[in-house]
Amino acid sequence: MADLKSRLAQNAEDDEAAYQLAVQQLSRQQYEAALDGLLKLFTRNRGYEGGLPHKTLLQVFDLLGNDHPLVTVYRRKLFAALY
């Protein structure tokens, strides 16, 4: 994770590093940080890897369940980013 954070510090628009960092955060159950990173990546580059950030956000929502407070917050933020 340190390497990915370093890459992002050098280039905030390194989409691959941003996505990989979010995946690492998910694996460590750092859901809020991961959702935030995925949402920022989605906002910056919707088409990254065929919409991978959007797909991953939806998968995390499913994983956590509709009743999870982070899902409610980040669904709203995703909706605002879409429209």
C-alpha atoms as a PDB file:
ATOM      1  CA  MET A   1       0.000   0.000   0.000  1.00  0.00           C
ATOM      2  CA  ALA A   2       2.872   2.365   0.722  1.00  0.00           C
ATOM      3  CA  ASP A   3       4.085   2.086  -2.872  1.00  0.00           C
ATOM      4  CA  LEU A   4       0.607   2.887  -4.208  1.00  0.00           C
ATOM      5  CA  LYS A   5       0.254   5.871  -1.892  1.00  0.00           C
ATOM      6  CA  SER A   6       3.681   7.074  -3.016  1.00  0.00           C
ATOM      7  CA  ARG A   7       2.663   6.770  -6.662  1.00  0.00           C
ATOM      8  CA  LEU A   8      -0.475   8.788  -5.974  1.00  0.00           C
ATOM      9  CA  ALA A   9       1.506  11.430  -4.105  1.00  0.00           C
ATOM     10  CA  GLN A  10       3.702  11.849  -7.187  1.00  0.00           C
ATOM     11  CA  ASN A  11       0.784  11.738  -9.631  1.00  0.00           C
ATOM     12  CA  ALA A  12      -2.715  12.214  -8.234  1.00  0.00           C
ATOM     13  CA  GLU A  13      -4.173  11.107 -11.569  1.00  0.00           C
ATOM     14  CA  ASP A  14      -2.522   7.676 -11.627  1.00  0.00           C
ATOM     15  CA  ASP A  15      -5.737   5.738 -12.178  1.00  0.00           C
ATOM     16  CA  GLU A  16      -4.154   2.308 -11.873  1.00  0.00           C
ATOM     17  CA  ALA A  17      -2.573   3.178  -8.515  1.00  0.00           C
ATOM     18  CA  ALA A  18      -5.855   4.664  -7.280  1.00  0.00           C
ATOM     19  CA  TYR A  19      -7.796   1.552  -8.232  1.00  0.00           C
ATOM     20  CA  GLN A  20      -5.227  -0.858  -6.798  1.00  0.00           C
ATOM     21  CA  LEU A  21      -5.105   1.136  -3.542  1.00  0.00           C
ATOM     22  CA  ALA A  22      -8.896   0.876  -3.242  1.00  0.00           C
ATOM     23  CA  VAL A  23      -8.702  -2.888  -3.808  1.00  0.00           C
ATOM     24  CA  GLN A  24      -6.035  -3.185  -1.111  1.00  0.00           C
ATOM     25  CA  GLN A  25      -8.188  -1.148   1.265  1.00  0.00           C
ATOM     26  CA  LEU A  26     -11.158  -3.410   0.560  1.00  0.00           C
ATOM     27  CA  SER A  27      -9.064  -6.458   1.364  1.00  0.00           C
ATOM     28  CA  ARG A  28      -8.209  -4.852   4.712  1.00  0.00           C
ATOM     29  CA  GLN A  29     -11.882  -3.994   5.345  1.00  0.00           C
ATOM     30  CA  GLN A  30     -11.136  -0.269   5.139  1.00  0.00           C
ATOM     31  CA  TYR A  31     -14.440   0.230   3.380  1.00  0.00           C
ATOM     32  CA  GLU A  32     -14.874   3.964   3.741  1.00  0.00           C
ATOM     33  CA  ALA A  33     -11.408   4.751   2.372  1.00  0.00           C
ATOM     34  CA  ALA A  34     -11.938   2.292  -0.483  1.00  0.00           C
ATOM     35  CA  LEU A  35     -15.365   3.672  -1.380  1.00  0.00           C
ATOM     36  CA  ASP A  36     -14.021   7.216  -1.281  1.00  0.00           C
ATOM     37  CA  GLY A  37     -11.129   6.318  -3.572  1.00  0.00           C
ATOM     38  CA  LEU A  38     -13.369   4.454  -6.017  1.00  0.00           C
ATOM     39  CA  LEU A  39     -15.834   7.339  -6.126  1.00  0.00           C
ATOM     40  CA  LYS A  40     -13.056   9.861  -6.788  1.00  0.00           C
ATOM     41  CA  LEU A  41     -11.668   7.646  -9.537  1.00  0.00           C
ATOM     42  CA  PHE A  42     -15.132   7.253 -11.054  1.00  0.00           C
ATOM     43  CA  THR A  43     -15.661  11.010 -10.986  1.00  0.00           C
ATOM     44  CA  ARG A  44     -12.267  11.689 -12.566  1.00  0.00           C
ATOM     45  CA  ASN A  45     -12.310   8.926 -15.185  1.00  0.00           C
ATOM     46  CA  ARG A  46     -15.661   7.209 -15.714  1.00  0.00           C
ATOM     47  CA  GLY A  47     -14.346   5.094 -18.539  1.00  0.00           C
ATOM     48  CA  TYR A  48     -11.351   3.667 -16.679  1.00  0.00           C
ATOM     49  CA  GLU A  49     -11.046  -0.003 -17.664  1.00  0.00           C
ATOM     50  CA  GLY A  50     -14.566  -0.129 -19.042  1.00  0.00           C
ATOM     51  CA  GLY A  51     -16.229   1.438 -16.014  1.00  0.00           C
ATOM     52  CA  LEU A  52     -14.412  -0.693 -13.443  1.00  0.00           C
ATOM     53  CA  PRO A  53     -14.697   1.837 -10.573  1.00  0.00           C
ATOM     54  CA  HIS A  54     -18.493   1.968 -11.007  1.00  0.00           C
ATOM     55  CA  LYS A  55     -18.773  -1.824 -11.181  1.00  0.00           C
ATOM     56  CA  THR A  56     -16.583  -2.204  -8.111  1.00  0.00           C
ATOM     57  CA  LEU A  57     -18.629   0.332  -6.160  1.00  0.00           C
ATOM     58  CA  LEU A  58     -21.781  -1.645  -6.923  1.00  0.00           C
ATOM     59  CA  GLN A  59     -20.080  -4.890  -5.874  1.00  0.00           C
ATOM     60  CA  VAL A  60     -19.027  -3.338  -2.559  1.00  0.00           C
ATOM     61  CA  PHE A  61     -22.590  -2.112  -2.009  1.00  0.00           C
ATOM     62  CA  ASP A  62     -23.797  -5.689  -2.520  1.00  0.00           C
ATOM     63  CA  LEU A  63     -21.096  -7.036  -0.228  1.00  0.00           C
ATOM     64  CA  LEU A  64     -21.949  -4.674   2.614  1.00  0.00           C
ATOM     65  CA  GLY A  65     -25.720  -4.848   2.133  1.00  0.00           C
ATOM     66  CA  ASN A  66     -28.341  -2.157   1.683  1.00  0.00           C
ATOM     67  CA  ASP A  67     -28.662  -1.521   5.416  1.00  0.00           C
ATOM     68  CA  HIS A  68     -24.999  -0.620   5.930  1.00  0.00           C
ATOM     69  CA  PRO A  69     -24.613   3.116   6.694  1.00  0.00           C
ATOM     70  CA  LEU A  70     -21.714   3.524   4.242  1.00  0.00           C
ATOM     71  CA  VAL A  71     -23.823   2.084   1.434  1.00  0.00           C
ATOM     72  CA  THR A  72     -26.516   4.685   2.037  1.00  0.00           C
ATOM     73  CA  VAL A  73     -23.988   7.531   2.032  1.00  0.00           C
ATOM     74  CA  TYR A  74     -22.011   6.362  -0.989  1.00  0.00           C
ATOM     75  CA  ARG A  75     -25.059   5.421  -3.080  1.00  0.00           C
ATOM     76  CA  ARG A  76     -26.171   9.020  -2.663  1.00  0.00           C
ATOM     77  CA  LYS A  77     -22.730  10.315  -3.640  1.00  0.00           C
ATOM     78  CA  LEU A  78     -22.599   7.990  -6.639  1.00  0.00           C
ATOM     79  CA  PHE A  79     -26.042   9.124  -7.748  1.00  0.00           C
ATOM     80  CA  ALA A  80     -24.917  12.763  -7.500  1.00  0.00           C
ATOM     81  CA  ALA A  81     -21.787  11.956  -9.554  1.00  0.00           C
ATOM     82  CA  LEU A  82     -23.896  10.227 -12.209  1.00  0.00           C
ATOM     83  CA  TYR A  83     -26.327  13.108 -12.572  1.00  0.00           C
END
